[in-house]
Amino acid sequence: MPIDEFTAIKKVLGGDKQAFGPLVEANSRLVFTAVLRIVRDEGAAEDIAQDAFLQAYRSLASFRGEAAFSTWLARIAVNKALDYCRVQARLAELPADLPAFGLGPEGSILAKEEVWQLRDQVRALPPLYRRTISQFYYRELSYQEIALAEGVSVKTVESRLYRAKEMLRKSIGGGEGNVLAPRP
């Protein structure tokens, strides 16, 4: 039996968190398929779809009802997928070689290897953290700009960035490299 989207939305906005479940169930295939067509990676599509539902839940008060809920939700999912693709493209653009002034041939090779290792480790992060790292370091957005784009608080952005850097430190070997230091 189809759910009454507007009734479910009113219940969620009224504080009934459980009322969002049927909206997720009714639209999960649509969201996953829309995302998968863009990213072409099932694992990433699952993560992005989950992130899209989370964003929709957090932004539900902004749903005006001018279009079907599924259309609004699909737009969120598509935007998340396109953001993911932009991040992946940016990661692919990372320089393969760093200027290695005064390092000599061996130091230069090691520096290049570290860049490739870091690029691979960033790509391996969960999408939420990969996106935060990308927005802060590659797109050079402020905490406030990221918070606005993600629909979260500045504290949440700080927390995500901290966790992402911790994941990178652990995966790279626990060292505190300059790469993960705050921007000046």
Protein backbone atom coordinates (compact mmCIF):
# COMPACT_ATOMS: atom_id res chain seq x y z
CA MET A 1 0.00 0.00 0.00
CA PRO A 2 1.49 3.37 -0.98
CA ILE A 3 2.29 5.73 1.83
CA ASP A 4 0.81 9.20 2.15
CA GLU A 5 3.99 11.25 1.85
CA PHE A 6 2.54 14.48 3.19
CA THR A 7 1.11 12.78 6.27
CA ALA A 8 4.45 11.07 6.93
CA ILE A 9 6.31 14.35 6.48
CA LYS A 10 3.96 16.16 8.89
CA LYS A 11 4.51 13.40 11.45
CA VAL A 12 8.30 13.65 11.10
CA LEU A 13 8.19 17.44 11.42
CA GLY A 14 5.97 16.96 14.45
CA GLY A 15 8.69 14.92 16.14
CA ASP A 16 7.83 11.34 15.09
CA LYS A 17 11.22 10.20 13.81
CA GLN A 18 9.87 6.73 13.01
CA ALA A 19 7.56 8.21 10.37
CA PHE A 20 10.61 8.82 8.15
CA GLY A 21 11.19 5.05 7.79
CA PRO A 22 8.35 4.46 5.30
CA LEU A 23 9.60 7.39 3.22
CA VAL A 24 13.04 5.77 3.09
CA GLU A 25 11.58 2.37 2.20
CA ALA A 26 9.36 3.80 -0.51
CA ASN A 27 12.21 5.74 -2.15
CA SER A 28 15.37 3.73 -1.47
CA ARG A 29 15.47 2.02 -4.87
CA LEU A 30 14.88 5.31 -6.71
CA VAL A 31 17.64 7.08 -4.79
CA PHE A 32 20.14 4.24 -5.10
CA THR A 33 19.50 3.87 -8.85
CA ALA A 34 19.80 7.61 -9.48
CA VAL A 35 23.10 7.76 -7.61
CA LEU A 36 24.48 4.57 -9.17
CA ARG A 37 23.88 5.92 -12.68
CA ILE A 38 26.14 8.83 -11.86
CA VAL A 39 28.91 7.30 -9.74
CA ARG A 40 28.95 3.78 -11.24
CA ASP A 41 30.24 2.26 -8.01
CA GLU A 42 27.80 0.27 -5.86
CA GLY A 43 29.64 0.83 -2.58
CA ALA A 44 29.91 4.56 -3.14
CA ALA A 45 26.28 4.67 -4.32
CA GLU A 46 25.11 3.03 -1.10
CA ASP A 47 27.04 5.53 1.01
CA ILE A 48 25.85 8.49 -1.03
CA ALA A 49 22.23 7.28 -0.94
CA GLN A 50 22.41 7.00 2.85
CA ASP A 51 23.93 10.47 3.02
CA ALA A 52 21.12 11.79 0.78
CA PHE A 53 18.46 10.38 3.11
CA LEU A 54 20.23 11.91 6.09
CA GLN A 55 20.36 15.28 4.33
CA ALA A 56 16.69 14.98 3.39
CA TYR A 57 15.76 14.21 6.99
CA ARG A 58 17.71 17.20 8.25
CA SER A 59 16.26 19.48 5.56
CA LEU A 60 12.70 18.19 5.66
CA ALA A 61 11.38 21.49 6.99
CA SER A 62 12.52 23.12 3.73
CA PHE A 63 10.39 20.74 1.62
CA ARG A 64 7.70 23.02 0.19
CA GLY A 65 5.57 20.36 -1.47
CA GLU A 66 5.69 22.03 -4.89
CA ALA A 67 6.91 18.73 -6.35
CA ALA A 68 6.58 15.16 -5.16
CA PHE A 69 8.74 14.21 -2.20
CA SER A 70 10.46 11.61 -4.39
CA THR A 71 11.46 14.33 -6.89
CA TRP A 72 12.86 16.53 -4.13
CA LEU A 73 14.70 13.58 -2.61
CA ALA A 74 16.10 12.48 -5.98
CA ARG A 75 17.44 16.01 -6.53
CA ILE A 76 19.28 15.82 -3.20
CA ALA A 77 20.70 12.41 -4.14
CA VAL A 78 21.80 13.58 -7.58
CA ASN A 79 23.50 16.63 -6.06
CA LYS A 80 25.30 14.41 -3.55
CA ALA A 81 26.42 12.11 -6.38
CA LEU A 82 27.67 15.04 -8.45
CA ASP A 83 29.56 16.38 -5.42
CA TYR A 84 31.16 12.96 -5.03
CA CYS A 85 32.21 12.98 -8.69
CA ARG A 86 33.68 16.47 -8.31
CA VAL A 87 35.71 15.29 -5.32
CA GLN A 88 36.94 12.27 -7.25
CA ALA A 89 37.95 14.49 -10.17
CA ARG A 90 39.81 16.80 -7.80
CA LEU A 91 41.62 13.86 -6.24
CA ALA A 92 42.64 12.69 -9.70
CA GLU A 93 44.10 16.14 -10.34
CA LEU A 94 46.48 15.98 -7.38
CA PRO A 95 49.97 16.43 -8.72
CA ALA A 96 51.87 13.24 -9.35
CA ASP A 97 55.07 15.02 -8.55
CA LEU A 98 55.81 17.55 -5.90
CA PRO A 99 58.58 20.06 -6.13
CA ALA A 100 61.26 18.40 -4.07
CA PHE A 101 63.67 21.25 -3.54
CA GLY A 102 66.90 20.10 -1.97
CA LEU A 103 65.70 16.54 -1.42
CA GLY A 104 67.87 14.88 -4.00
CA PRO A 105 66.72 12.02 -6.23
CA GLU A 106 65.85 9.62 -3.40
CA GLY A 107 63.99 12.27 -1.39
CA SER A 108 62.10 13.37 -4.47
CA ILE A 109 60.95 9.81 -5.15
CA LEU A 110 59.88 9.38 -1.53
CA ALA A 111 57.94 12.67 -1.61
CA LYS A 112 56.10 11.59 -4.77
CA GLU A 113 55.30 8.25 -3.18
CA GLU A 114 53.86 9.98 -0.12
CA VAL A 115 51.56 12.09 -2.31
CA TRP A 116 50.26 8.99 -4.08
CA GLN A 117 49.79 7.22 -0.76
CA LEU A 118 47.87 10.16 0.67
CA ARG A 119 45.69 10.39 -2.46
CA ASP A 120 44.81 6.69 -2.16
CA GLN A 121 44.07 7.04 1.56
CA VAL A 122 41.77 10.03 0.98
CA ARG A 123 39.93 8.06 -1.71
CA ALA A 124 39.45 5.20 0.78
CA LEU A 125 37.73 7.41 3.37
CA PRO A 126 33.96 7.09 3.79
CA PRO A 127 32.23 9.63 1.48
CA LEU A 128 31.18 11.92 4.32
CA TYR A 129 34.77 12.38 5.50
CA ARG A 130 36.27 12.36 1.99
CA ARG A 131 33.90 15.16 1.04
CA THR A 132 34.80 17.20 4.14
CA ILE A 133 38.53 16.81 3.49
CA SER A 134 38.00 17.79 -0.14
CA GLN A 135 35.92 20.83 0.68
CA PHE A 136 38.39 22.09 3.26
CA TYR A 137 41.76 21.31 1.68
CA TYR A 138 41.10 21.15 -2.07
CA ARG A 139 38.23 23.61 -2.51
CA GLU A 140 39.55 25.71 0.41
CA LEU A 141 36.11 26.33 1.89
CA SER A 142 35.83 27.65 5.44
CA TYR A 143 34.14 25.68 8.21
CA GLN A 144 31.15 28.00 7.87
CA GLU A 145 30.90 27.46 4.10
CA ILE A 146 31.09 23.68 4.52
CA ALA A 147 28.48 23.76 7.29
CA LEU A 148 26.13 25.74 5.06
CA ALA A 149 26.67 23.42 2.09
CA GLU A 150 26.14 20.30 4.20
CA GLY A 151 23.28 21.63 6.29
CA VAL A 152 25.12 20.96 9.55
CA SER A 153 26.66 23.00 12.36
CA VAL A 154 30.22 24.33 12.32
CA LYS A 155 30.97 22.00 15.26
CA THR A 156 29.89 19.02 13.11
CA VAL A 157 32.26 20.15 10.35
CA GLU A 158 35.09 20.48 12.87
CA SER A 159 34.32 17.01 14.19
CA ARG A 160 34.17 15.45 10.72
CA LEU A 161 37.45 17.07 9.73
CA TYR A 162 39.11 15.91 12.93
CA ARG A 163 37.85 12.33 12.44
CA ALA A 164 38.91 12.31 8.78
CA LYS A 165 42.41 13.45 9.68
CA GLU A 166 42.61 10.84 12.44
CA MET A 167 41.57 8.12 9.96
CA LEU A 168 44.24 9.33 7.54
CA ARG A 169 46.90 9.45 10.24
CA LYS A 170 46.11 5.88 11.28
CA SER A 171 46.01 4.56 7.72
CA ILE A 172 49.25 6.32 6.77
CA GLY A 173 51.09 5.12 9.81
CA GLY A 174 50.22 7.39 12.68
CA GLY A 175 52.66 10.16 11.82
CA GLU A 176 51.70 13.80 12.02
CA GLY A 177 52.68 15.03 8.57
CA ASN A 178 52.52 18.60 7.36
CA VAL A 179 49.88 17.55 4.84
CA LEU A 180 47.29 17.18 7.57
CA ALA A 181 48.20 20.35 9.42
CA PRO A 182 45.66 23.19 9.49
CA ARG A 183 45.83 25.74 6.70
CA PRO A 184 47.61 28.98 7.65
